[in-house]
Each structure stands twice: as structure tokens, then as C-alpha cells.
Protein backbone atom coordinates (compact mmCIF):
# COMPACT_ATOMS: atom_id res chain seq x y z
CA UNK A 1 -2.56 -13.74 23.56
CA UNK A 2 -3.66 -11.80 26.59
CA UNK A 3 -4.42 -8.10 26.77
CA UNK A 4 -1.42 -7.69 29.08
CA UNK A 5 0.93 -9.42 26.63
CA UNK A 6 -0.28 -7.19 23.78
CA UNK A 7 0.23 -4.15 26.03
CA UNK A 8 3.75 -5.33 26.90
CA UNK A 9 4.65 -5.86 23.23
CA UNK A 10 3.24 -2.46 22.21
CA UNK A 11 5.14 -0.71 25.00
CA UNK A 12 8.36 -2.50 24.00
CA UNK A 13 8.42 -0.39 20.82
CA UNK A 14 11.08 2.29 21.44
CA UNK A 15 9.42 5.62 22.25
CA UNK A 16 5.94 4.10 22.72
CA UNK A 17 3.63 5.39 25.43
CA UNK A 18 0.19 4.34 26.62
CA UNK A 19 -2.75 6.73 26.65
CA UNK A 20 -6.50 6.41 26.09
CA UNK A 21 -8.85 7.32 23.27
CA UNK A 22 -12.63 6.98 23.34
CA UNK A 23 -12.46 4.85 26.49
CA UNK A 24 -9.90 2.39 25.10
CA UNK A 25 -6.19 2.03 25.81
CA UNK A 26 -4.03 3.20 22.95
CA UNK A 27 -0.34 3.19 22.18
CA UNK A 28 1.37 6.20 20.65
CA UNK A 29 4.59 7.35 19.07
CA UNK A 30 5.21 11.08 19.07
CA UNK A 31 1.55 11.58 19.99
CA UNK A 32 0.21 9.47 17.11
CA UNK A 33 -1.75 6.25 17.69
CA UNK A 34 -0.23 3.08 16.22
CA UNK A 35 -2.27 0.48 18.15
CA UNK A 36 -5.26 0.20 20.49
CA UNK A 37 -6.81 -2.33 22.85
CA UNK A 38 -10.48 -3.12 23.39
CA UNK A 39 -12.02 -2.26 20.04
CA UNK A 40 -14.50 -3.46 18.92
CA UNK A 41 -14.51 -5.42 22.20
CA UNK A 42 -12.15 -6.65 24.92
CA UNK A 43 -11.16 -9.67 22.79
CA UNK A 44 -9.60 -7.45 20.12
CA UNK A 45 -6.81 -4.99 19.50
CA UNK A 46 -6.08 -2.81 16.47
CA UNK A 47 -2.86 -2.03 14.63
CA UNK A 48 -2.56 0.83 12.14
CA UNK A 49 -0.90 -0.53 9.00
CA UNK A 50 -0.27 0.64 5.48
CA UNK A 51 -2.96 -0.83 3.22
CA UNK A 52 -0.52 -3.21 1.50
CA UNK A 53 0.78 -4.42 4.88
CA UNK A 54 -2.80 -4.94 6.05
CA UNK A 55 -3.46 -7.12 3.00
CA UNK A 56 -0.29 -9.12 3.72
CA UNK A 57 -1.18 -9.80 7.36
CA UNK A 58 -4.80 -10.69 6.53
CA UNK A 59 -3.56 -13.13 3.88
CA UNK A 60 -0.97 -14.72 6.19
CA UNK A 61 -3.28 -15.07 9.21
CA UNK A 62 -6.98 -14.46 8.43
CA UNK A 63 -7.90 -16.03 11.78
CA UNK A 64 -5.96 -13.23 13.53
CA UNK A 65 -6.22 -10.14 11.31
CA UNK A 66 -9.12 -8.46 9.50
CA UNK A 67 -9.70 -4.92 8.23
CA UNK A 68 -11.67 -2.77 10.66
CA UNK A 69 -15.10 -1.71 9.43
CA UNK A 70 -15.64 1.31 7.22
CA UNK A 71 -13.20 4.01 6.19
CA UNK A 72 -10.76 3.22 9.01
CA UNK A 73 -10.32 -0.29 7.67
CA UNK A 74 -9.88 0.97 4.11
CA UNK A 75 -7.05 3.17 5.42
CA UNK A 76 -5.24 0.27 7.09
CA UNK A 77 -6.78 0.00 10.57
CA UNK A 78 -6.56 -3.73 11.21
CA UNK A 79 -8.42 -5.68 13.89
CA UNK A 80 -6.47 -8.32 15.84
CA UNK A 81 -8.26 -11.28 17.43
CA UNK A 82 -6.14 -11.67 20.54
CA UNK A 83 -7.09 -15.28 21.33
CA UNK A 84 -5.73 -16.41 17.94
CA UNK A 85 -2.58 -14.25 17.96
CA UNK A 86 0.98 -15.46 18.48
CA UNK A 87 3.77 -13.31 19.88
CA UNK A 88 5.94 -13.33 16.74
CA UNK A 89 3.09 -12.32 14.45
CA UNK A 90 1.94 -9.51 16.75
CA UNK A 91 5.49 -8.26 17.22
CA UNK A 92 5.85 -8.09 13.41
CA UNK A 93 2.51 -6.27 13.02
CA UNK A 94 3.41 -3.76 15.74
CA UNK A 95 6.76 -3.10 14.06
CA UNK A 96 4.98 -2.41 10.76
CA UNK A 97 2.54 -0.13 12.60
CA UNK A 98 5.53 1.70 14.10
CA UNK A 99 7.10 2.18 10.65
CA UNK A 100 3.83 3.43 9.19
CA UNK A 101 3.31 5.87 12.06
CA UNK A 102 6.77 7.43 11.89
CA UNK A 103 6.69 7.48 8.06
CA UNK A 104 3.56 9.64 8.02
């Protein structure tokens, strides 16, 4: 998956907007980040999932998803390896990130 395709999928979430945080593009709902691009490098994105959803996605596709390092990862921040990611899987992860963001 390309950076532009991830961006397009993130912005297809109703109410999503693009901003920036710490020099990286991020995607927000009601001012709250649900996904980012470019962390830890330009080959990755991040989706903010509930811990149990993170575990599910990592189990389904360990070549695509992994917990981010440290406390962020323990709270559901999930790295996405873009080169390994398919559209359907990323769309599902972004939808879960949307649900988690509006739930909290």
C-alpha cells in the first residue's frame, strides 16, 4: 500500500480530517488522532486501536501489524507496515480506530 492510498482510506472515514503532529501527518475525528503516517519511518503508519483489537489484528496479519514500542503500544497504538498491507485489512483497522476514538 502506498502512503497516498493510506491517506485516502483514512480521509474516507466520515468526519476525518488531516493535520500534523510532531512532523508527521495525522488523521483526526473531533480533534482526536485515530491514525498517523510516517512513524517510525516513511514505510509505516499507525492506527489507534483498543488493546483487544490490536491483539486481533496482530494475530491475523503479523506481517502488517505490530504494537508500537513502549506505553503507546501497550495502550493500543499499532504500527502498520504499508508495503505488506492490503486495502481491505487497512479499511477494517481504520474503522476499528474510528470506533475506538469516538467511544473514548
